[in-house]
Amino acid sequence: MNNQQHLRKKIDSQIKRIKKAEHDRPNLLSQTIYIGTLGLVMVLPVIGGVYLGRWLDSLLAGYSVRWTLSLLFTGVVIGTFNVYFLLKER
């Protein structure tokens, strides 16, 4: 009798785990939103760095892209770290 109860509890817990896994399975919309978020956290620092760099370069006399290139590179590094930490969190 004790073995049957133990077996029944084990089967019930496995059924609950299976139902929970089916319920928590990601769907197409949630995956699309997640990919879009990854793109935004990568692209926004790059665009922000380029705009800030162009503005700083316009304040200097003559033709210079020093700030633009350095802040572009900084934006790529920050965006890469953002994507890494977002993927690591999931």
PDB file of N, CA and C in Angstrom:
ATOM      1  N   MET A   1       0.823  -1.196   0.000  1.00  0.00           N
ATOM      2  CA  MET A   1       0.000   0.000   0.000  1.00  0.00           C
ATOM      3  C   MET A   1       0.867   1.261   0.000  1.00  0.00           C
ATOM      4  N   ASN A   2       1.912   1.272   0.767  1.00  0.00           N
ATOM      5  CA  ASN A   2       2.795   2.420   0.865  1.00  0.00           C
ATOM      6  C   ASN A   2       3.501   2.671  -0.464  1.00  0.00           C
ATOM      7  N   ASN A   3       3.919   1.610  -1.144  1.00  0.00           N
ATOM      8  CA  ASN A   3       4.583   1.747  -2.434  1.00  0.00           C
ATOM      9  C   ASN A   3       3.649   2.345  -3.476  1.00  0.00           C
ATOM     10  N   GLN A   4       2.365   1.962  -3.433  1.00  0.00           N
ATOM     11  CA  GLN A   4       1.398   2.511  -4.385  1.00  0.00           C
ATOM     12  C   GLN A   4       1.183   4.003  -4.158  1.00  0.00           C
ATOM     13  N   GLN A   5       1.121   4.424  -2.921  1.00  0.00           N
ATOM     14  CA  GLN A   5       0.953   5.850  -2.618  1.00  0.00           C
ATOM     15  C   GLN A   5       2.181   6.642  -3.063  1.00  0.00           C
ATOM     16  N   HIS A   6       3.348   6.074  -2.812  1.00  0.00           N
ATOM     17  CA  HIS A   6       4.587   6.740  -3.224  1.00  0.00           C
ATOM     18  C   HIS A   6       4.642   6.867  -4.748  1.00  0.00           C
ATOM     19  N   LEU A   7       4.263   5.811  -5.453  1.00  0.00           N
ATOM     20  CA  LEU A   7       4.249   5.827  -6.910  1.00  0.00           C
ATOM     21  C   LEU A   7       3.226   6.835  -7.429  1.00  0.00           C
ATOM     22  N   ARG A   8       2.053   6.881  -6.799  1.00  0.00           N
ATOM     23  CA  ARG A   8       1.013   7.826  -7.216  1.00  0.00           C
ATOM     24  C   ARG A   8       1.479   9.277  -7.022  1.00  0.00           C
ATOM     25  N   LYS A   9       2.145   9.569  -5.901  1.00  0.00           N
ATOM     26  CA  LYS A   9       2.650  10.922  -5.650  1.00  0.00           C
ATOM     27  C   LYS A   9       3.713  11.301  -6.678  1.00  0.00           C
ATOM     28  N   LYS A  10       4.567  10.353  -7.006  1.00  0.00           N
ATOM     29  CA  LYS A  10       5.622  10.614  -7.979  1.00  0.00           C
ATOM     30  C   LYS A  10       5.030  10.897  -9.356  1.00  0.00           C
ATOM     31  N   ILE A  11       4.050  10.123  -9.754  1.00  0.00           N
ATOM     32  CA  ILE A  11       3.392  10.323 -11.051  1.00  0.00           C
ATOM     33  C   ILE A  11       2.656  11.656 -11.069  1.00  0.00           C
ATOM     34  N   ASP A  12       1.965  12.000  -9.983  1.00  0.00           N
ATOM     35  CA  ASP A  12       1.256  13.277  -9.914  1.00  0.00           C
ATOM     36  C   ASP A  12       2.220  14.458 -10.027  1.00  0.00           C
ATOM     37  N   SER A  13       3.365  14.361  -9.359  1.00  0.00           N
ATOM     38  CA  SER A  13       4.329  15.462  -9.440  1.00  0.00           C
ATOM     39  C   SER A  13       4.909  15.580 -10.852  1.00  0.00           C
ATOM     40  N   GLN A  14       5.108  14.469 -11.536  1.00  0.00           N
ATOM     41  CA  GLN A  14       5.611  14.516 -12.911  1.00  0.00           C
ATOM     42  C   GLN A  14       4.565  15.094 -13.855  1.00  0.00           C
ATOM     43  N   ILE A  15       3.307  14.770 -13.635  1.00  0.00           N
ATOM     44  CA  ILE A  15       2.232  15.332 -14.455  1.00  0.00           C
ATOM     45  C   ILE A  15       2.170  16.848 -14.261  1.00  0.00           C
ATOM     46  N   LYS A  16       2.295  17.304 -13.025  1.00  0.00           N
ATOM     47  CA  LYS A  16       2.286  18.741 -12.756  1.00  0.00           C
ATOM     48  C   LYS A  16       3.468  19.435 -13.448  1.00  0.00           C
ATOM     49  N   ARG A  17       4.648  18.810 -13.415  1.00  0.00           N
ATOM     50  CA  ARG A  17       5.829  19.378 -14.071  1.00  0.00           C
ATOM     51  C   ARG A  17       5.621  19.480 -15.579  1.00  0.00           C
ATOM     52  N   ILE A  18       5.031  18.456 -16.177  1.00  0.00           N
ATOM     53  CA  ILE A  18       4.779  18.460 -17.620  1.00  0.00           C
ATOM     54  C   ILE A  18       3.785  19.558 -17.987  1.00  0.00           C
ATOM     55  N   LYS A  19       2.707  19.707 -17.213  1.00  0.00           N
ATOM     56  CA  LYS A  19       1.711  20.741 -17.489  1.00  0.00           C
ATOM     57  C   LYS A  19       2.303  22.135 -17.321  1.00  0.00           C
ATOM     58  N   LYS A  20       3.146  22.318 -16.305  1.00  0.00           N
ATOM     59  CA  LYS A  20       3.795  23.613 -16.090  1.00  0.00           C
ATOM     60  C   LYS A  20       4.743  23.929 -17.246  1.00  0.00           C
ATOM     61  N   ALA A  21       5.490  22.943 -17.737  1.00  0.00           N
ATOM     62  CA  ALA A  21       6.418  23.158 -18.857  1.00  0.00           C
ATOM     63  C   ALA A  21       5.648  23.518 -20.125  1.00  0.00           C
ATOM     64  N   GLU A  22       4.507  22.886 -20.354  1.00  0.00           N
ATOM     65  CA  GLU A  22       3.697  23.218 -21.523  1.00  0.00           C
ATOM     66  C   GLU A  22       3.137  24.634 -21.417  1.00  0.00           C
ATOM     67  N   HIS A  23       2.758  25.030 -20.215  1.00  0.00           N
ATOM     68  CA  HIS A  23       2.198  26.362 -20.013  1.00  0.00           C
ATOM     69  C   HIS A  23       3.262  27.441 -20.159  1.00  0.00           C
ATOM     70  N   ASP A  24       4.471  27.194 -19.699  1.00  0.00           N
ATOM     71  CA  ASP A  24       5.546  28.187 -19.721  1.00  0.00           C
ATOM     72  C   ASP A  24       6.334  28.214 -21.023  1.00  0.00           C
ATOM     73  N   ARG A  25       5.980  27.372 -21.970  1.00  0.00           N
ATOM     74  CA  ARG A  25       6.692  27.321 -23.247  1.00  0.00           C
ATOM     75  C   ARG A  25       6.539  28.651 -23.975  1.00  0.00           C
ATOM     76  N   PRO A  26       7.649  29.229 -24.469  1.00  0.00           N
ATOM     77  CA  PRO A  26       7.544  30.521 -25.153  1.00  0.00           C
ATOM     78  C   PRO A  26       6.837  30.385 -26.498  1.00  0.00           C
ATOM     79  N   ASN A  27       6.035  31.390 -26.833  1.00  0.00           N
ATOM     80  CA  ASN A  27       5.347  31.380 -28.115  1.00  0.00           C
ATOM     81  C   ASN A  27       6.051  32.331 -29.084  1.00  0.00           C
ATOM     82  N   LEU A  28       5.568  32.420 -30.279  1.00  0.00           N
ATOM     83  CA  LEU A  28       6.205  33.207 -31.335  1.00  0.00           C
ATOM     84  C   LEU A  28       6.240  34.692 -30.989  1.00  0.00           C
ATOM     85  N   LEU A  29       5.171  35.215 -30.418  1.00  0.00           N
ATOM     86  CA  LEU A  29       5.121  36.634 -30.081  1.00  0.00           C
ATOM     87  C   LEU A  29       6.150  36.989 -29.013  1.00  0.00           C
ATOM     88  N   SER A  30       6.254  36.183 -27.981  1.00  0.00           N
ATOM     89  CA  SER A  30       7.223  36.493 -26.922  1.00  0.00           C
ATOM     90  C   SER A  30       8.652  36.368 -27.434  1.00  0.00           C
ATOM     91  N   GLN A  31       8.920  35.422 -28.309  1.00  0.00           N
ATOM     92  CA  GLN A  31      10.261  35.294 -28.876  1.00  0.00           C
ATOM     93  C   GLN A  31      10.583  36.467 -29.792  1.00  0.00           C
ATOM     94  N   THR A  32       9.607  36.950 -30.542  1.00  0.00           N
ATOM     95  CA  THR A  32       9.803  38.095 -31.419  1.00  0.00           C
ATOM     96  C   THR A  32      10.097  39.351 -30.600  1.00  0.00           C
ATOM     97  N   ILE A  33       9.371  39.538 -29.528  1.00  0.00           N
ATOM     98  CA  ILE A  33       9.609  40.689 -28.647  1.00  0.00           C
ATOM     99  C   ILE A  33      10.999  40.603 -28.033  1.00  0.00           C
ATOM    100  N   TYR A  34      11.419  39.414 -27.644  1.00  0.00           N
ATOM    101  CA  TYR A  34      12.744  39.231 -27.042  1.00  0.00           C
ATOM    102  C   TYR A  34      13.852  39.557 -28.043  1.00  0.00           C
ATOM    103  N   ILE A  35      13.716  39.103 -29.287  1.00  0.00           N
ATOM    104  CA  ILE A  35      14.710  39.396 -30.325  1.00  0.00           C
ATOM    105  C   ILE A  35      14.738  40.900 -30.608  1.00  0.00           C
ATOM    106  N   GLY A  36      13.577  41.531 -30.635  1.00  0.00           N
ATOM    107  CA  GLY A  36      13.517  42.975 -30.838  1.00  0.00           C
ATOM    108  C   GLY A  36      14.201  43.739 -29.716  1.00  0.00           C
ATOM    109  N   THR A  37      14.030  43.276 -28.501  1.00  0.00           N
ATOM    110  CA  THR A  37      14.692  43.897 -27.358  1.00  0.00           C
ATOM    111  C   THR A  37      16.202  43.756 -27.472  1.00  0.00           C
ATOM    112  N   LEU A  38      16.662  42.580 -27.890  1.00  0.00           N
ATOM    113  CA  LEU A  38      18.098  42.379 -28.089  1.00  0.00           C
ATOM    114  C   LEU A  38      18.642  43.364 -29.120  1.00  0.00           C
ATOM    115  N   GLY A  39      17.905  43.564 -30.194  1.00  0.00           N
ATOM    116  CA  GLY A  39      18.336  44.504 -31.223  1.00  0.00           C
ATOM    117  C   GLY A  39      18.404  45.927 -30.707  1.00  0.00           C
ATOM    118  N   LEU A  40      17.410  46.315 -29.927  1.00  0.00           N
ATOM    119  CA  LEU A  40      17.393  47.673 -29.397  1.00  0.00           C
ATOM    120  C   LEU A  40      18.532  47.930 -28.417  1.00  0.00           C
ATOM    121  N   VAL A  41      18.799  46.976 -27.523  1.00  0.00           N
ATOM    122  CA  VAL A  41      19.866  47.213 -26.551  1.00  0.00           C
ATOM    123  C   VAL A  41      21.236  47.198 -27.213  1.00  0.00           C
ATOM    124  N   MET A  42      21.335  46.673 -28.426  1.00  0.00           N
ATOM    125  CA  MET A  42      22.598  46.718 -29.156  1.00  0.00           C
ATOM    126  C   MET A  42      22.711  48.010 -29.969  1.00  0.00           C
ATOM    127  N   VAL A  43      21.632  48.415 -30.617  1.00  0.00           N
ATOM    128  CA  VAL A  43      21.684  49.521 -31.571  1.00  0.00           C
ATOM    129  C   VAL A  43      21.610  50.896 -30.894  1.00  0.00           C
ATOM    130  N   LEU A  44      20.831  51.033 -29.832  1.00  0.00           N
ATOM    131  CA  LEU A  44      20.655  52.350 -29.219  1.00  0.00           C
ATOM    132  C   LEU A  44      21.947  52.968 -28.692  1.00  0.00           C
ATOM    133  N   PRO A  45      22.829  52.235 -28.000  1.00  0.00           N
ATOM    134  CA  PRO A  45      24.094  52.863 -27.591  1.00  0.00           C
ATOM    135  C   PRO A  45      24.972  53.277 -28.773  1.00  0.00           C
ATOM    136  N   VAL A  46      24.919  52.509 -29.851  1.00  0.00           N
ATOM    137  CA  VAL A  46      25.710  52.849 -31.039  1.00  0.00           C
ATOM    138  C   VAL A  46      25.192  54.150 -31.658  1.00  0.00           C
ATOM    139  N   ILE A  47      23.903  54.254 -31.846  1.00  0.00           N
ATOM    140  CA  ILE A  47      23.313  55.458 -32.442  1.00  0.00           C
ATOM    141  C   ILE A  47      23.530  56.658 -31.530  1.00  0.00           C
ATOM    142  N   GLY A  48      23.344  56.469 -30.227  1.00  0.00           N
ATOM    143  CA  GLY A  48      23.585  57.559 -29.286  1.00  0.00           C
ATOM    144  C   GLY A  48      25.032  58.034 -29.323  1.00  0.00           C
ATOM    145  N   GLY A  49      25.965  57.096 -29.404  1.00  0.00           N
ATOM    146  CA  GLY A  49      27.380  57.459 -29.485  1.00  0.00           C
ATOM    147  C   GLY A  49      27.709  58.217 -30.752  1.00  0.00           C
ATOM    148  N   VAL A  50      27.135  57.798 -31.871  1.00  0.00           N
ATOM    149  CA  VAL A  50      27.392  58.480 -33.143  1.00  0.00           C
ATOM    150  C   VAL A  50      26.830  59.899 -33.116  1.00  0.00           C
ATOM    151  N   TYR A  51      25.609  60.067 -32.638  1.00  0.00           N
ATOM    152  CA  TYR A  51      25.026  61.411 -32.587  1.00  0.00           C
ATOM    153  C   TYR A  51      25.803  62.324 -31.645  1.00  0.00           C
ATOM    154  N   LEU A  52      26.182  61.812 -30.493  1.00  0.00           N
ATOM    155  CA  LEU A  52      26.964  62.619 -29.561  1.00  0.00           C
ATOM    156  C   LEU A  52      28.329  62.949 -30.157  1.00  0.00           C
ATOM    157  N   GLY A  53      28.947  61.999 -30.813  1.00  0.00           N
ATOM    158  CA  GLY A  53      30.240  62.237 -31.446  1.00  0.00           C
ATOM    159  C   GLY A  53      30.159  63.265 -32.559  1.00  0.00           C
ATOM    160  N   ARG A  54      29.123  63.187 -33.388  1.00  0.00           N
ATOM    161  CA  ARG A  54      28.958  64.176 -34.469  1.00  0.00           C
ATOM    162  C   ARG A  54      28.755  65.570 -33.896  1.00  0.00           C
ATOM    163  N   TRP A  55      28.006  65.672 -32.813  1.00  0.00           N
ATOM    164  CA  TRP A  55      27.778  66.966 -32.190  1.00  0.00           C
ATOM    165  C   TRP A  55      29.086  67.529 -31.634  1.00  0.00           C
ATOM    166  N   LEU A  56      29.853  66.683 -30.955  1.00  0.00           N
ATOM    167  CA  LEU A  56      31.140  67.135 -30.420  1.00  0.00           C
ATOM    168  C   LEU A  56      32.113  67.507 -31.541  1.00  0.00           C
ATOM    169  N   ASP A  57      32.115  66.737 -32.627  1.00  0.00           N
ATOM    170  CA  ASP A  57      32.987  67.058 -33.759  1.00  0.00           C
ATOM    171  C   ASP A  57      32.572  68.359 -34.443  1.00  0.00           C
ATOM    172  N   SER A  58      31.286  68.679 -34.437  1.00  0.00           N
ATOM    173  CA  SER A  58      30.839  69.928 -35.071  1.00  0.00           C
ATOM    174  C   SER A  58      31.294  71.145 -34.268  1.00  0.00           C
ATOM    175  N   LEU A  59      31.569  70.958 -32.986  1.00  0.00           N
ATOM    176  CA  LEU A  59      32.047  72.073 -32.168  1.00  0.00           C
ATOM    177  C   LEU A  59      33.514  72.399 -32.448  1.00  0.00           C
ATOM    178  N   LEU A  60      34.257  71.447 -33.014  1.00  0.00           N
ATOM    179  CA  LEU A  60      35.671  71.658 -33.303  1.00  0.00           C
ATOM    180  C   LEU A  60      35.828  72.322 -34.668  1.00  0.00           C
ATOM    181  N   ALA A  61      36.904  73.092 -34.823  1.00  0.00           N
ATOM    182  CA  ALA A  61      37.174  73.740 -36.111  1.00  0.00           C
ATOM    183  C   ALA A  61      37.753  72.719 -37.089  1.00  0.00           C
ATOM    184  N   GLY A  62      37.362  72.814 -38.347  1.00  0.00           N
ATOM    185  CA  GLY A  62      37.892  71.901 -39.356  1.00  0.00           C
ATOM    186  C   GLY A  62      37.102  70.605 -39.413  1.00  0.00           C
ATOM    187  N   TYR A  63      37.608  69.704 -40.241  1.00  0.00           N
ATOM    188  CA  TYR A  63      36.936  68.417 -40.442  1.00  0.00           C
ATOM    189  C   TYR A  63      37.557  67.388 -39.506  1.00  0.00           C
ATOM    190  N   SER A  64      36.768  66.875 -38.595  1.00  0.00           N
ATOM    191  CA  SER A  64      37.275  65.901 -37.633  1.00  0.00           C
ATOM    192  C   SER A  64      36.194  64.860 -37.364  1.00  0.00           C
ATOM    193  N   VAL A  65      36.602  63.626 -37.256  1.00  0.00           N
ATOM    194  CA  VAL A  65      35.678  62.543 -36.914  1.00  0.00           C
ATOM    195  C   VAL A  65      36.205  61.769 -35.709  1.00  0.00           C
ATOM    196  N   ARG A  66      37.098  62.401 -34.958  1.00  0.00           N
ATOM    197  CA  ARG A  66      37.697  61.728 -33.817  1.00  0.00           C
ATOM    198  C   ARG A  66      36.652  61.289 -32.790  1.00  0.00           C
ATOM    199  N   TRP A  67      35.802  62.224 -32.383  1.00  0.00           N
ATOM    200  CA  TRP A  67      34.787  61.894 -31.376  1.00  0.00           C
ATOM    201  C   TRP A  67      33.765  60.900 -31.929  1.00  0.00           C
ATOM    202  N   THR A  68      33.398  61.079 -33.178  1.00  0.00           N
ATOM    203  CA  THR A  68      32.408  60.178 -33.775  1.00  0.00           C
ATOM    204  C   THR A  68      32.905  58.736 -33.768  1.00  0.00           C
ATOM    205  N   LEU A  69      34.121  58.524 -34.213  1.00  0.00           N
ATOM    206  CA  LEU A  69      34.654  57.156 -34.270  1.00  0.00           C
ATOM    207  C   LEU A  69      34.863  56.562 -32.875  1.00  0.00           C
ATOM    208  N   SER A  70      35.376  57.379 -31.956  1.00  0.00           N
ATOM    209  CA  SER A  70      35.625  56.835 -30.618  1.00  0.00           C
ATOM    210  C   SER A  70      34.317  56.517 -29.900  1.00  0.00           C
ATOM    211  N   LEU A  71      33.315  57.366 -30.051  1.00  0.00           N
ATOM    212  CA  LEU A  71      32.031  57.090 -29.396  1.00  0.00           C
ATOM    213  C   LEU A  71      31.250  55.997 -30.128  1.00  0.00           C
ATOM    214  N   LEU A  72      31.481  55.845 -31.428  1.00  0.00           N
ATOM    215  CA  LEU A  72      30.901  54.713 -32.158  1.00  0.00           C
ATOM    216  C   LEU A  72      31.444  53.403 -31.596  1.00  0.00           C
ATOM    217  N   PHE A  73      32.750  53.341 -31.436  1.00  0.00           N
ATOM    218  CA  PHE A  73      33.372  52.131 -30.868  1.00  0.00           C
ATOM    219  C   PHE A  73      32.887  51.890 -29.443  1.00  0.00           C
ATOM    220  N   THR A  74      32.793  52.962 -28.658  1.00  0.00           N
ATOM    221  CA  THR A  74      32.296  52.828 -27.282  1.00  0.00           C
ATOM    222  C   THR A  74      30.853  52.324 -27.275  1.00  0.00           C
ATOM    223  N   GLY A  75      30.025  52.812 -28.185  1.00  0.00           N
ATOM    224  CA  GLY A  75      28.641  52.351 -28.278  1.00  0.00           C
ATOM    225  C   GLY A  75      28.546  50.882 -28.654  1.00  0.00           C
ATOM    226  N   VAL A  76      29.436  50.411 -29.544  1.00  0.00           N
ATOM    227  CA  VAL A  76      29.445  48.994 -29.916  1.00  0.00           C
ATOM    228  C   VAL A  76      29.830  48.141 -28.715  1.00  0.00           C
ATOM    229  N   VAL A  77      30.817  48.579 -27.948  1.00  0.00           N
ATOM    230  CA  VAL A  77      31.241  47.821 -26.763  1.00  0.00           C
ATOM    231  C   VAL A  77      30.123  47.783 -25.725  1.00  0.00           C
ATOM    232  N   ILE A  78      29.505  48.920 -25.461  1.00  0.00           N
ATOM    233  CA  ILE A  78      28.415  48.965 -24.483  1.00  0.00           C
ATOM    234  C   ILE A  78      27.233  48.121 -24.957  1.00  0.00           C
ATOM    235  N   GLY A  79      26.886  48.199 -26.234  1.00  0.00           N
ATOM    236  CA  GLY A  79      25.794  47.390 -26.776  1.00  0.00           C
ATOM    237  C   GLY A  79      26.081  45.907 -26.681  1.00  0.00           C
ATOM    238  N   THR A  80      27.333  45.517 -26.926  1.00  0.00           N
ATOM    239  CA  THR A  80      27.699  44.107 -26.815  1.00  0.00           C
ATOM    240  C   THR A  80      27.553  43.610 -25.380  1.00  0.00           C
ATOM    241  N   PHE A  81      28.009  44.419 -24.428  1.00  0.00           N
ATOM    242  CA  PHE A  81      27.838  44.041 -23.021  1.00  0.00           C
ATOM    243  C   PHE A  81      26.366  43.971 -22.635  1.00  0.00           C
ATOM    244  N   ASN A  82      25.556  44.904 -23.149  1.00  0.00           N
ATOM    245  CA  ASN A  82      24.115  44.867 -22.877  1.00  0.00           C
ATOM    246  C   ASN A  82      23.491  43.563 -23.358  1.00  0.00           C
ATOM    247  N   VAL A  83      23.816  43.156 -24.580  1.00  0.00           N
ATOM    248  CA  VAL A  83      23.270  41.919 -25.135  1.00  0.00           C
ATOM    249  C   VAL A  83      23.757  40.715 -24.325  1.00  0.00           C
ATOM    250  N   TYR A  84      25.038  40.715 -23.967  1.00  0.00           N
ATOM    251  CA  TYR A  84      25.587  39.597 -23.194  1.00  0.00           C
ATOM    252  C   TYR A  84      24.857  39.456 -21.859  1.00  0.00           C
ATOM    253  N   PHE A  85      24.682  40.563 -21.144  1.00  0.00           N
ATOM    254  CA  PHE A  85      24.021  40.495 -19.842  1.00  0.00           C
ATOM    255  C   PHE A  85      22.542  40.145 -19.965  1.00  0.00           C
ATOM    256  N   LEU A  86      21.906  40.592 -21.030  1.00  0.00           N
ATOM    257  CA  LEU A  86      20.493  40.249 -21.236  1.00  0.00           C
ATOM    258  C   LEU A  86      20.340  38.761 -21.534  1.00  0.00           C
ATOM    259  N   LEU A  87      21.255  38.208 -22.352  1.00  0.00           N
ATOM    260  CA  LEU A  87      21.211  36.774 -22.639  1.00  0.00           C
ATOM    261  C   LEU A  87      21.581  35.949 -21.419  1.00  0.00           C
ATOM    262  N   LYS A  88      22.516  36.429 -20.640  1.00  0.00           N
ATOM    263  CA  LYS A  88      22.937  35.718 -19.431  1.00  0.00           C
ATOM    264  C   LYS A  88      21.808  35.671 -18.409  1.00  0.00           C
ATOM    265  N   GLU A  89      21.016  36.728 -18.353  1.00  0.00           N
ATOM    266  CA  GLU A  89      19.903  36.798 -17.396  1.00  0.00           C
ATOM    267  C   GLU A  89      18.826  35.778 -17.707  1.00  0.00           C
ATOM    268  N   ARG A  90      18.626  35.507 -18.981  1.00  0.00           N
ATOM    269  CA  ARG A  90      17.578  34.574 -19.396  1.00  0.00           C
ATOM    270  C   ARG A  90      17.983  33.188 -19.171  1.00  0.00           C
TER     271      ARG A  90
END
